[in-house]
N, C-alpha and C. Protein backbone atom coordinates (compact mmCIF):
# COMPACT_ATOMS: atom_id res chain seq x y z
N MET A 1 -3.81 -5.91 18.22
CA MET A 1 -2.63 -5.78 17.37
C MET A 1 -2.91 -6.48 16.04
N LEU A 2 -2.34 -5.93 14.99
CA LEU A 2 -2.53 -6.51 13.66
C LEU A 2 -1.68 -7.76 13.52
N SER A 3 -2.26 -8.75 12.91
CA SER A 3 -1.51 -9.97 12.67
C SER A 3 -1.37 -10.19 11.16
N LEU A 4 -0.29 -10.78 10.78
CA LEU A 4 -0.07 -11.09 9.38
C LEU A 4 -0.44 -12.54 9.12
N SER A 5 -1.52 -12.72 8.45
CA SER A 5 -1.91 -14.07 8.06
C SER A 5 -1.92 -14.13 6.54
N ALA A 6 -2.05 -15.32 6.03
CA ALA A 6 -2.05 -15.50 4.58
C ALA A 6 -3.23 -14.76 3.95
N ALA A 7 -4.37 -14.76 4.62
CA ALA A 7 -5.55 -14.08 4.08
C ALA A 7 -5.32 -12.57 4.03
N ASN A 8 -4.73 -12.00 5.08
CA ASN A 8 -4.46 -10.56 5.09
C ASN A 8 -3.49 -10.16 3.98
N ILE A 9 -2.45 -10.94 3.80
CA ILE A 9 -1.48 -10.65 2.75
C ILE A 9 -2.14 -10.78 1.38
N PHE A 10 -2.96 -11.79 1.20
CA PHE A 10 -3.68 -11.98 -0.06
C PHE A 10 -4.56 -10.78 -0.37
N TYR A 11 -5.32 -10.32 0.61
CA TYR A 11 -6.20 -9.17 0.39
C TYR A 11 -5.42 -7.88 0.15
N MET A 12 -4.28 -7.72 0.80
CA MET A 12 -3.45 -6.54 0.56
C MET A 12 -2.93 -6.54 -0.88
N VAL A 13 -2.50 -7.69 -1.36
CA VAL A 13 -2.00 -7.78 -2.73
C VAL A 13 -3.11 -7.49 -3.73
N ILE A 14 -4.29 -8.06 -3.50
CA ILE A 14 -5.43 -7.81 -4.38
C ILE A 14 -5.79 -6.32 -4.38
N ASN A 15 -5.82 -5.70 -3.21
CA ASN A 15 -6.13 -4.27 -3.12
C ASN A 15 -5.10 -3.42 -3.85
N LEU A 16 -3.83 -3.76 -3.73
CA LEU A 16 -2.80 -3.02 -4.44
C LEU A 16 -2.95 -3.16 -5.95
N LEU A 17 -3.27 -4.36 -6.41
CA LEU A 17 -3.48 -4.56 -7.85
C LEU A 17 -4.67 -3.76 -8.36
N VAL A 18 -5.75 -3.73 -7.59
CA VAL A 18 -6.93 -2.96 -7.98
C VAL A 18 -6.60 -1.48 -8.03
N LEU A 19 -5.89 -0.98 -7.03
CA LEU A 19 -5.49 0.43 -7.04
C LEU A 19 -4.59 0.76 -8.22
N TYR A 20 -3.66 -0.12 -8.51
CA TYR A 20 -2.78 0.09 -9.65
C TYR A 20 -3.58 0.17 -10.95
N LEU A 21 -4.51 -0.75 -11.13
CA LEU A 21 -5.32 -0.74 -12.35
C LEU A 21 -6.17 0.52 -12.46
N ILE A 22 -6.75 0.94 -11.35
CA ILE A 22 -7.56 2.17 -11.36
C ILE A 22 -6.69 3.37 -11.72
N PHE A 23 -5.52 3.49 -11.09
CA PHE A 23 -4.63 4.60 -11.39
C PHE A 23 -4.14 4.54 -12.84
N HIS A 24 -3.83 3.34 -13.30
CA HIS A 24 -3.32 3.18 -14.65
C HIS A 24 -4.34 3.63 -15.69
N PHE A 25 -5.58 3.20 -15.55
CA PHE A 25 -6.58 3.50 -16.56
C PHE A 25 -7.14 4.91 -16.45
N PHE A 26 -7.27 5.45 -15.25
CA PHE A 26 -7.91 6.74 -15.09
C PHE A 26 -6.94 7.90 -14.90
N LEU A 27 -5.72 7.63 -14.51
CA LEU A 27 -4.80 8.73 -14.24
C LEU A 27 -3.62 8.72 -15.20
N PHE A 28 -2.88 7.62 -15.26
CA PHE A 28 -1.65 7.59 -16.03
C PHE A 28 -1.88 7.80 -17.51
N LYS A 29 -2.93 7.20 -18.07
CA LYS A 29 -3.19 7.36 -19.49
C LYS A 29 -3.55 8.80 -19.83
N ARG A 30 -4.32 9.45 -18.98
CA ARG A 30 -4.69 10.84 -19.23
C ARG A 30 -3.48 11.76 -19.11
N VAL A 31 -2.67 11.54 -18.11
CA VAL A 31 -1.47 12.36 -17.93
C VAL A 31 -0.52 12.14 -19.10
N ASP A 32 -0.37 10.90 -19.53
CA ASP A 32 0.49 10.59 -20.66
C ASP A 32 -0.01 11.26 -21.94
N ARG A 33 -1.32 11.28 -22.12
CA ARG A 33 -1.91 11.94 -23.29
C ARG A 33 -1.62 13.44 -23.27
N VAL A 34 -1.74 14.06 -22.11
CA VAL A 34 -1.45 15.49 -21.98
C VAL A 34 0.02 15.77 -22.24
N LEU A 35 0.90 14.93 -21.71
CA LEU A 35 2.33 15.13 -21.93
C LEU A 35 2.70 14.95 -23.39
N ASP A 36 2.10 13.98 -24.07
CA ASP A 36 2.36 13.79 -25.50
C ASP A 36 1.90 15.00 -26.31
N ALA A 37 0.74 15.53 -25.97
CA ALA A 37 0.24 16.71 -26.68
C ALA A 37 1.17 17.90 -26.45
N ARG A 38 1.63 18.06 -25.24
CA ARG A 38 2.54 19.17 -24.91
C ARG A 38 3.87 18.99 -25.64
N ARG A 39 4.38 17.76 -25.67
CA ARG A 39 5.64 17.48 -26.35
C ARG A 39 5.51 17.80 -27.85
N GLU A 40 4.40 17.40 -28.44
CA GLU A 40 4.17 17.69 -29.85
C GLU A 40 4.06 19.19 -30.11
N GLU A 41 3.41 19.90 -29.21
CA GLU A 41 3.28 21.35 -29.34
C GLU A 41 4.64 22.03 -29.28
N VAL A 42 5.48 21.59 -28.37
CA VAL A 42 6.82 22.17 -28.24
C VAL A 42 7.65 21.86 -29.47
N GLU A 43 7.56 20.64 -29.99
CA GLU A 43 8.31 20.29 -31.19
C GLU A 43 7.86 21.12 -32.39
N ASN A 44 6.57 21.39 -32.50
CA ASN A 44 6.08 22.20 -33.61
C ASN A 44 6.51 23.66 -33.48
N CYS A 45 6.65 24.14 -32.27
CA CYS A 45 7.07 25.53 -32.06
C CYS A 45 8.55 25.73 -32.35
N THR A 46 9.34 24.70 -32.16
CA THR A 46 10.78 24.84 -32.34
C THR A 46 11.21 24.63 -33.78
N LYS A 47 10.30 24.23 -34.66
CA LYS A 47 10.67 24.01 -36.07
C LYS A 47 10.62 25.29 -36.85
């Protein structure tokens, strides 16, 4: 059975932070860039 110790909680928090940073730099920024380009394209078409 899994036990919750301070070390396990510490490693879970570190892993979550690493995953967040990876997603932030490699996924969210690219998606945000695509959305900004699309938003700009739509604004230019409606003028």
